[in-house]
Amino acid sequence: MEKKFIRVTLVIMTENIVIPNNLLPSDGRFGSGPSKIRHEQLLQLSQSTVMGTSHRQAPVKTIVQEIQTQLAQFFNIPDGYEVVLGNGGASAFWDMACAGLILQHAAFGVYGSFTKKFAQCAQNTPFLQEPAIFECTPGDYSIPQYVSGVDTYCWAHNETSTGVAAPIQRVPSSEEDNALIVIDATSAAGALPVDISQTDAYYFSPQKAFGSDGGLWIAILSPRAINRVESIAQSVKNGDAQGRWIPSFLSLQSAIDNSRKHQTLNTPAIATLELLHNQINWLMSKGGLQWSSQYCHDNAEHIYQWAQNSEYASPFVQNVEARSHAVVTVEVDDSINAQDIVTALRENGIIDTFGYRGLNRNQLRIGVFPSVTHEDVQSLTQCIDYVVEHLQK
């Protein structure tokens, strides 16, 4: 049954709302990225013997090699696929893809801020054709359809701005054109199940489910994607790339070459590697992707059920099949300012539950990654109810 709300504007002061200790979560971090880093990771980082040492030397290169090996196991990648990493986050990978992965013509699924930004990168790249855009209103997904001549199809596994998860599968008939499937997995990797064989580039930053910090991108590349990168790089080297320019920092070829040596082109944040390494070990000890995706599913479903039963809230994503189990968005009745809820929660140590700034919706956005415990998710919804009850007094 559709919920009907009465619109009333309230001006609320939140500083006097004190949530009882018995309701508070043990850890108040619910950010959608950067997300919660477990205390055990930070403890191990404090005891690290590689901080402040060269990333070109064996101790750090061994960590990178183990990360590559473990991610290959975690995602059960097909033979011939490679785990490549480089400096910068996923947004840097957008520019790298435009410079050295998209051949001429790309198609994009656009259904939120981050999918739109990648499409805009391609639109602004002077040596690429105007991309084909398949766009829908935020709150659902739009996967690009087959277009003759398109050589790269791009969309996001999880749109972080809206809490929408999209299916990952090859676009029908695209293989006849030797087209690549390029998937932004920044807030999905490690939280949502995936068949890597359906992709040619599955790329992400580690500051979400992998409980690390920013400044790094990781991409699982297929042999076909690697061949594409090598072909474009060679054409640039030979001077027949028709105006294409690849700055060294944005060279996927350099990233591949360095990754095969278990290093990055430029100095990485060693702490990011250490945190990532620890988190992968922890996830593997729990049962890998199967365990983590189920854990995130259970976290998300608690919030969706709570919102569904709430008198003042509801799931933002109406299509049940499109609801993310990594980042949950909850629409709040206009009679209550969601920012007042966010502010009161933060004053009580519960942080980063705000909606995405560019979406301009009256909503909450909650990261439910594997480091966030079931108990804390349950406590969060109790705390939100407590805050709203006191805001309405």
Foldseek 3Di string as FASTA:
>chain_A
DDFDDDFDADDFDQLPDADDPVLAFPAQFFALPLGAADPVLVVVLVVDPCPPHDCLDDVNLVLLVLLFVLVCVLQVADPQKGKFKAWFFVLLLLLLCLQFQFQAEEEFKDAADVSVSSLVSNCPQVRHDNYHYFYDYHQEIGFDADDPPGQEGEYECAHQQRQWGDAQAAHPPNVVVVHFYAYECALPVLAARDNCVRGAWYKYACSFLLNFHGGMMIITGHNSSLVRRVVLVVCVVVVNSRPRDAPPNSRPNQRVVVVVSSGYPDDTNSRRSSSSSVSSVVCVVQPRSVRFNVQLQLLQVVVQVLQVPDSFKHFSNPPPVTGHSFKTKIAGHNNDQLVSLQVSSVSNNNHNQPRRPVVPGRITMGGSHSVHHSSNSVSVSVSSVSSVVVRVD
